[in-house]
N, C-alpha and C. Protein backbone atom coordinates (compact mmCIF):
# COMPACT_ATOMS: atom_id res chain seq x y z
N UNK A 1 -16.98 -43.72 -63.99
CA UNK A 1 -17.34 -43.74 -62.61
C UNK A 1 -16.12 -43.46 -61.72
N UNK A 2 -14.98 -44.00 -62.11
CA UNK A 2 -13.76 -43.76 -61.34
C UNK A 2 -13.39 -42.29 -61.35
N UNK A 3 -13.68 -41.64 -62.47
CA UNK A 3 -13.40 -40.19 -62.57
C UNK A 3 -14.25 -39.37 -61.62
N UNK A 4 -15.49 -39.79 -61.46
CA UNK A 4 -16.38 -39.05 -60.55
C UNK A 4 -15.89 -39.13 -59.11
N UNK A 5 -15.39 -40.26 -58.72
CA UNK A 5 -14.89 -40.46 -57.37
C UNK A 5 -13.69 -39.57 -57.12
N UNK A 6 -12.81 -39.50 -58.13
CA UNK A 6 -11.62 -38.72 -57.99
C UNK A 6 -11.96 -37.21 -57.94
N UNK A 7 -12.96 -36.82 -58.64
CA UNK A 7 -13.36 -35.39 -58.66
C UNK A 7 -13.99 -35.03 -57.34
N UNK A 8 -14.75 -35.94 -56.75
CA UNK A 8 -15.41 -35.65 -55.46
C UNK A 8 -14.41 -35.59 -54.34
N UNK A 9 -13.39 -36.39 -54.34
CA UNK A 9 -12.42 -36.42 -53.25
C UNK A 9 -11.71 -35.07 -53.06
N UNK A 10 -11.21 -34.45 -54.14
CA UNK A 10 -10.58 -33.16 -53.92
C UNK A 10 -11.52 -32.09 -53.33
N UNK A 11 -12.78 -32.11 -53.78
CA UNK A 11 -13.73 -31.15 -53.22
C UNK A 11 -13.94 -31.42 -51.72
N UNK A 12 -14.08 -32.66 -51.35
CA UNK A 12 -14.24 -33.03 -49.97
C UNK A 12 -13.01 -32.69 -49.16
N UNK A 13 -11.84 -32.97 -49.71
CA UNK A 13 -10.60 -32.67 -49.02
C UNK A 13 -10.42 -31.16 -48.86
N UNK A 14 -10.72 -30.45 -49.94
CA UNK A 14 -10.56 -28.97 -49.87
C UNK A 14 -11.52 -28.40 -48.85
N UNK A 15 -12.75 -28.89 -48.84
CA UNK A 15 -13.70 -28.42 -47.83
C UNK A 15 -13.27 -28.75 -46.43
N UNK A 16 -12.73 -29.96 -46.27
CA UNK A 16 -12.22 -30.37 -44.96
C UNK A 16 -11.07 -29.50 -44.50
N UNK A 17 -10.13 -29.24 -45.45
CA UNK A 17 -8.98 -28.42 -45.12
C UNK A 17 -9.40 -26.99 -44.77
N UNK A 18 -10.38 -26.50 -45.52
CA UNK A 18 -10.86 -25.15 -45.25
C UNK A 18 -11.55 -25.08 -43.90
N UNK A 19 -12.32 -26.07 -43.59
CA UNK A 19 -13.01 -26.09 -42.29
C UNK A 19 -12.00 -26.19 -41.15
N UNK A 20 -10.95 -27.02 -41.33
CA UNK A 20 -9.92 -27.19 -40.31
C UNK A 20 -9.15 -25.91 -40.11
N UNK A 21 -8.81 -25.24 -41.23
CA UNK A 21 -8.07 -23.98 -41.13
C UNK A 21 -8.94 -22.93 -40.44
N UNK A 22 -10.23 -22.89 -40.73
CA UNK A 22 -11.12 -21.92 -40.11
C UNK A 22 -11.23 -22.20 -38.60
N UNK A 23 -11.32 -23.49 -38.24
CA UNK A 23 -11.36 -23.88 -36.81
C UNK A 23 -10.13 -23.38 -36.09
N UNK A 24 -8.95 -23.58 -36.71
CA UNK A 24 -7.70 -23.16 -36.05
C UNK A 24 -7.69 -21.66 -35.82
N UNK A 25 -8.08 -20.91 -36.83
CA UNK A 25 -8.11 -19.45 -36.68
C UNK A 25 -9.13 -19.01 -35.61
N UNK A 26 -10.30 -19.60 -35.66
CA UNK A 26 -11.36 -19.25 -34.71
C UNK A 26 -10.99 -19.65 -33.28
N UNK A 27 -10.45 -20.85 -33.12
CA UNK A 27 -10.06 -21.30 -31.80
C UNK A 27 -8.97 -20.40 -31.20
N UNK A 28 -7.98 -20.05 -32.01
CA UNK A 28 -6.89 -19.22 -31.52
C UNK A 28 -7.39 -17.85 -31.07
N UNK A 29 -8.22 -17.25 -31.88
CA UNK A 29 -8.71 -15.91 -31.56
C UNK A 29 -9.62 -15.95 -30.34
N UNK A 30 -10.44 -16.99 -30.23
CA UNK A 30 -11.28 -17.12 -29.02
C UNK A 30 -10.46 -17.32 -27.77
N UNK A 31 -9.45 -18.14 -27.83
CA UNK A 31 -8.57 -18.35 -26.70
C UNK A 31 -7.83 -17.03 -26.33
N UNK A 32 -7.38 -16.36 -27.33
CA UNK A 32 -6.69 -15.10 -27.08
C UNK A 32 -7.62 -14.06 -26.44
N UNK A 33 -8.85 -13.98 -26.91
CA UNK A 33 -9.84 -13.08 -26.29
C UNK A 33 -10.13 -13.46 -24.84
N UNK A 34 -10.27 -14.77 -24.61
CA UNK A 34 -10.57 -15.24 -23.25
C UNK A 34 -9.42 -14.91 -22.30
N UNK A 35 -8.19 -15.08 -22.74
CA UNK A 35 -7.04 -14.78 -21.93
C UNK A 35 -6.97 -13.30 -21.62
N UNK A 36 -7.31 -12.47 -22.59
CA UNK A 36 -7.22 -11.02 -22.41
C UNK A 36 -8.32 -10.54 -21.45
N UNK A 37 -9.47 -11.22 -21.45
CA UNK A 37 -10.60 -10.76 -20.64
C UNK A 37 -10.63 -11.38 -19.25
N UNK A 38 -9.71 -12.30 -18.94
CA UNK A 38 -9.73 -12.95 -17.61
C UNK A 38 -9.05 -12.07 -16.59
N UNK A 39 -9.78 -11.83 -15.49
CA UNK A 39 -9.20 -11.10 -14.38
C UNK A 39 -8.90 -12.11 -13.28
N UNK A 40 -7.64 -12.37 -13.05
CA UNK A 40 -7.24 -13.41 -12.09
C UNK A 40 -7.76 -13.17 -10.68
N UNK A 41 -7.85 -11.93 -10.29
CA UNK A 41 -8.40 -11.63 -8.93
C UNK A 41 -9.86 -12.01 -8.81
N UNK A 42 -10.61 -11.80 -9.89
CA UNK A 42 -12.03 -12.17 -9.86
C UNK A 42 -12.15 -13.70 -9.82
N UNK A 43 -11.30 -14.40 -10.54
CA UNK A 43 -11.31 -15.85 -10.53
C UNK A 43 -10.99 -16.35 -9.14
N UNK A 44 -9.97 -15.76 -8.51
CA UNK A 44 -9.57 -16.16 -7.14
C UNK A 44 -10.73 -15.92 -6.18
N UNK A 45 -11.38 -14.79 -6.27
CA UNK A 45 -12.52 -14.47 -5.39
C UNK A 45 -13.66 -15.47 -5.61
N UNK A 46 -13.95 -15.80 -6.84
CA UNK A 46 -15.04 -16.74 -7.10
C UNK A 46 -14.68 -18.11 -6.56
N UNK A 47 -13.45 -18.55 -6.69
CA UNK A 47 -13.03 -19.83 -6.17
C UNK A 47 -13.07 -19.84 -4.64
N UNK A 48 -12.69 -18.75 -4.00
CA UNK A 48 -12.78 -18.67 -2.56
C UNK A 48 -14.22 -18.69 -2.08
N UNK A 49 -15.10 -18.02 -2.80
CA UNK A 49 -16.51 -18.01 -2.42
C UNK A 49 -17.09 -19.41 -2.55
N UNK A 50 -16.74 -20.12 -3.60
CA UNK A 50 -17.22 -21.49 -3.77
C UNK A 50 -16.68 -22.41 -2.68
N UNK A 51 -15.43 -22.25 -2.34
CA UNK A 51 -14.85 -23.07 -1.27
C UNK A 51 -15.50 -22.78 0.06
N UNK A 52 -15.78 -21.52 0.32
CA UNK A 52 -16.47 -21.14 1.59
C UNK A 52 -17.87 -21.70 1.66
N UNK A 53 -18.57 -21.64 0.53
CA UNK A 53 -19.91 -22.16 0.46
C UNK A 53 -19.90 -23.67 0.65
N UNK A 54 -18.99 -24.38 0.06
CA UNK A 54 -18.89 -25.82 0.23
C UNK A 54 -18.57 -26.17 1.69
N UNK A 55 -17.67 -25.42 2.30
CA UNK A 55 -17.34 -25.66 3.70
C UNK A 55 -18.54 -25.44 4.61
N UNK A 56 -19.33 -24.42 4.30
CA UNK A 56 -20.53 -24.13 5.07
C UNK A 56 -21.54 -25.25 4.93
N UNK A 57 -21.73 -25.78 3.70
CA UNK A 57 -22.64 -26.92 3.48
C UNK A 57 -22.15 -28.14 4.25
N UNK A 58 -20.86 -28.40 4.21
CA UNK A 58 -20.31 -29.59 4.91
C UNK A 58 -20.53 -29.46 6.41
N UNK A 59 -20.34 -28.27 6.95
CA UNK A 59 -20.51 -28.06 8.38
C UNK A 59 -22.00 -28.23 8.76
N UNK A 60 -22.90 -27.74 7.94
CA UNK A 60 -24.31 -27.90 8.17
C UNK A 60 -24.70 -29.39 8.17
N UNK A 61 -24.12 -30.15 7.26
CA UNK A 61 -24.40 -31.59 7.16
C UNK A 61 -23.86 -32.30 8.40
N UNK A 62 -22.66 -31.93 8.85
CA UNK A 62 -22.12 -32.56 10.06
C UNK A 62 -22.97 -32.22 11.25
N UNK A 63 -23.44 -30.99 11.34
CA UNK A 63 -24.32 -30.58 12.47
C UNK A 63 -25.62 -31.38 12.44
N UNK A 64 -26.18 -31.55 11.27
CA UNK A 64 -27.42 -32.33 11.13
C UNK A 64 -27.19 -33.79 11.57
N UNK A 65 -26.05 -34.37 11.19
CA UNK A 65 -25.75 -35.72 11.57
C UNK A 65 -25.58 -35.85 13.10
N UNK A 66 -24.99 -34.84 13.72
CA UNK A 66 -24.86 -34.85 15.18
C UNK A 66 -26.20 -34.79 15.84
N UNK A 67 -27.08 -33.95 15.31
CA UNK A 67 -28.44 -33.83 15.89
C UNK A 67 -29.20 -35.15 15.76
N UNK A 68 -29.09 -35.80 14.63
CA UNK A 68 -29.77 -37.07 14.42
C UNK A 68 -29.18 -38.17 15.32
N UNK A 69 -27.87 -38.13 15.54
CA UNK A 69 -27.22 -39.15 16.36
C UNK A 69 -27.68 -38.98 17.84
N UNK A 70 -28.06 -37.78 18.21
CA UNK A 70 -28.47 -37.53 19.62
C UNK A 70 -29.88 -38.02 19.90
N UNK A 71 -30.67 -38.31 18.85
CA UNK A 71 -32.04 -38.76 19.06
C UNK A 71 -32.03 -40.21 19.54
N UNK A 72 -32.76 -40.46 20.58
CA UNK A 72 -32.89 -41.83 21.13
C UNK A 72 -33.97 -42.58 20.39
N UNK A 73 -33.57 -43.80 19.93
CA UNK A 73 -34.58 -44.67 19.28
C UNK A 73 -34.53 -46.04 19.94
N UNK A 74 -35.66 -46.69 19.93
CA UNK A 74 -35.73 -48.01 20.51
C UNK A 74 -35.58 -49.06 19.42
N UNK A 75 -34.87 -50.12 19.79
CA UNK A 75 -34.58 -51.19 18.85
C UNK A 75 -35.84 -51.81 18.27
N UNK A 76 -36.85 -51.98 19.10
CA UNK A 76 -38.11 -52.57 18.63
C UNK A 76 -38.83 -51.67 17.62
N UNK A 77 -38.69 -50.36 17.77
CA UNK A 77 -39.29 -49.43 16.82
C UNK A 77 -38.59 -49.55 15.47
N UNK A 78 -37.30 -49.61 15.51
CA UNK A 78 -36.52 -49.78 14.25
C UNK A 78 -36.91 -51.06 13.55
N UNK A 79 -36.99 -52.15 14.33
CA UNK A 79 -37.36 -53.43 13.74
C UNK A 79 -38.80 -53.40 13.14
N UNK A 80 -39.71 -52.72 13.84
CA UNK A 80 -41.08 -52.60 13.35
C UNK A 80 -41.11 -51.89 12.01
N UNK A 81 -40.44 -50.76 11.93
CA UNK A 81 -40.43 -49.99 10.68
C UNK A 81 -39.75 -50.78 9.57
N UNK A 82 -38.61 -51.40 9.89
CA UNK A 82 -37.89 -52.20 8.89
C UNK A 82 -38.75 -53.33 8.34
N UNK A 83 -39.50 -53.96 9.26
CA UNK A 83 -40.33 -55.09 8.85
C UNK A 83 -41.53 -54.63 8.02
N UNK A 84 -42.21 -53.60 8.49
CA UNK A 84 -43.43 -53.16 7.81
C UNK A 84 -43.18 -52.55 6.43
N UNK A 85 -42.01 -51.94 6.24
CA UNK A 85 -41.76 -51.26 4.98
C UNK A 85 -40.64 -51.96 4.19
N UNK A 86 -40.23 -53.15 4.62
CA UNK A 86 -39.20 -53.91 3.95
C UNK A 86 -37.95 -53.06 3.68
N UNK A 87 -37.47 -52.41 4.76
CA UNK A 87 -36.27 -51.59 4.66
C UNK A 87 -35.16 -52.28 5.44
N UNK A 88 -33.92 -51.90 5.14
CA UNK A 88 -32.86 -52.41 6.01
C UNK A 88 -32.87 -51.56 7.29
N UNK A 89 -32.23 -52.08 8.31
CA UNK A 89 -32.33 -51.46 9.61
C UNK A 89 -31.70 -50.08 9.68
N UNK A 90 -30.66 -49.84 8.88
CA UNK A 90 -30.04 -48.55 8.87
C UNK A 90 -30.98 -47.47 8.33
N UNK A 91 -31.69 -47.81 7.26
CA UNK A 91 -32.67 -46.84 6.68
C UNK A 91 -33.81 -46.63 7.63
N UNK A 92 -34.28 -47.69 8.24
CA UNK A 92 -35.40 -47.59 9.16
C UNK A 92 -34.99 -46.70 10.35
N UNK A 93 -33.79 -46.91 10.85
CA UNK A 93 -33.31 -46.13 12.00
C UNK A 93 -33.13 -44.65 11.60
N UNK A 94 -32.63 -44.43 10.41
CA UNK A 94 -32.46 -43.05 9.92
C UNK A 94 -33.84 -42.35 9.87
N UNK A 95 -34.83 -43.00 9.29
CA UNK A 95 -36.18 -42.45 9.21
C UNK A 95 -36.73 -42.14 10.61
N UNK A 96 -36.52 -43.06 11.52
CA UNK A 96 -36.99 -42.87 12.89
C UNK A 96 -36.27 -41.70 13.56
N UNK A 97 -35.02 -41.59 13.34
CA UNK A 97 -34.25 -40.43 13.91
C UNK A 97 -34.71 -39.11 13.33
N UNK A 98 -34.98 -39.10 12.02
CA UNK A 98 -35.47 -37.88 11.39
C UNK A 98 -36.85 -37.49 11.92
N UNK A 99 -37.61 -38.46 12.39
CA UNK A 99 -38.91 -38.18 12.99
C UNK A 99 -38.79 -37.95 14.50
N UNK A 100 -37.55 -37.76 14.97
CA UNK A 100 -37.26 -37.50 16.37
C UNK A 100 -37.71 -38.63 17.29
N UNK A 101 -37.63 -39.86 16.79
CA UNK A 101 -37.98 -41.01 17.60
C UNK A 101 -39.46 -41.33 17.67
N UNK A 102 -40.29 -40.54 17.01
CA UNK A 102 -41.75 -40.77 17.01
C UNK A 102 -42.09 -41.79 15.94
N UNK A 103 -42.55 -42.95 16.38
CA UNK A 103 -42.84 -44.04 15.44
C UNK A 103 -43.98 -43.66 14.50
N UNK A 104 -45.01 -43.05 15.05
CA UNK A 104 -46.18 -42.67 14.26
C UNK A 104 -45.76 -41.70 13.15
N UNK A 105 -44.96 -40.69 13.52
CA UNK A 105 -44.54 -39.71 12.53
C UNK A 105 -43.63 -40.37 11.47
N UNK A 106 -42.80 -41.30 11.86
CA UNK A 106 -41.93 -41.99 10.91
C UNK A 106 -42.74 -42.84 9.94
N UNK A 107 -43.75 -43.53 10.46
CA UNK A 107 -44.63 -44.32 9.61
C UNK A 107 -45.37 -43.44 8.62
N UNK A 108 -45.87 -42.33 9.11
CA UNK A 108 -46.61 -41.39 8.27
C UNK A 108 -45.70 -40.85 7.16
N UNK A 109 -44.49 -40.51 7.54
CA UNK A 109 -43.53 -39.99 6.56
C UNK A 109 -43.25 -41.07 5.49
N UNK A 110 -43.08 -42.29 5.88
CA UNK A 110 -42.81 -43.34 4.91
C UNK A 110 -44.00 -43.61 4.00
N UNK A 111 -45.18 -43.43 4.55
CA UNK A 111 -46.39 -43.63 3.69
C UNK A 111 -46.54 -42.54 2.66
N UNK A 112 -46.04 -41.34 2.93
CA UNK A 112 -46.15 -40.22 2.01
C UNK A 112 -45.17 -40.33 0.88
N UNK A 113 -44.09 -41.08 1.09
CA UNK A 113 -43.10 -41.23 0.03
C UNK A 113 -43.60 -42.18 -0.96
């Protein structure tokens, strides 16, 4: 039985060494190919496009927040929504602002969710 264990270990070790050597060769050639195929100007353009897109989304979000902040809401409406739907006042106020201060529309919107 001890002989069988010793025989199996070299096969396992050899297979492991072979797999590791193959991984090294494969990884190196893949990295080399990727480096050769990379066009830095295209990478720069893609990064700039992503940054511009992110800036545009951030600006749109800021604009939306400004629009919502300009909506007038009444304290009693916020309390009504918060009480009826068991929401905190910030969420109730946000919902009311998104409905442009219309309590009925805010309640309808909350019922649809």
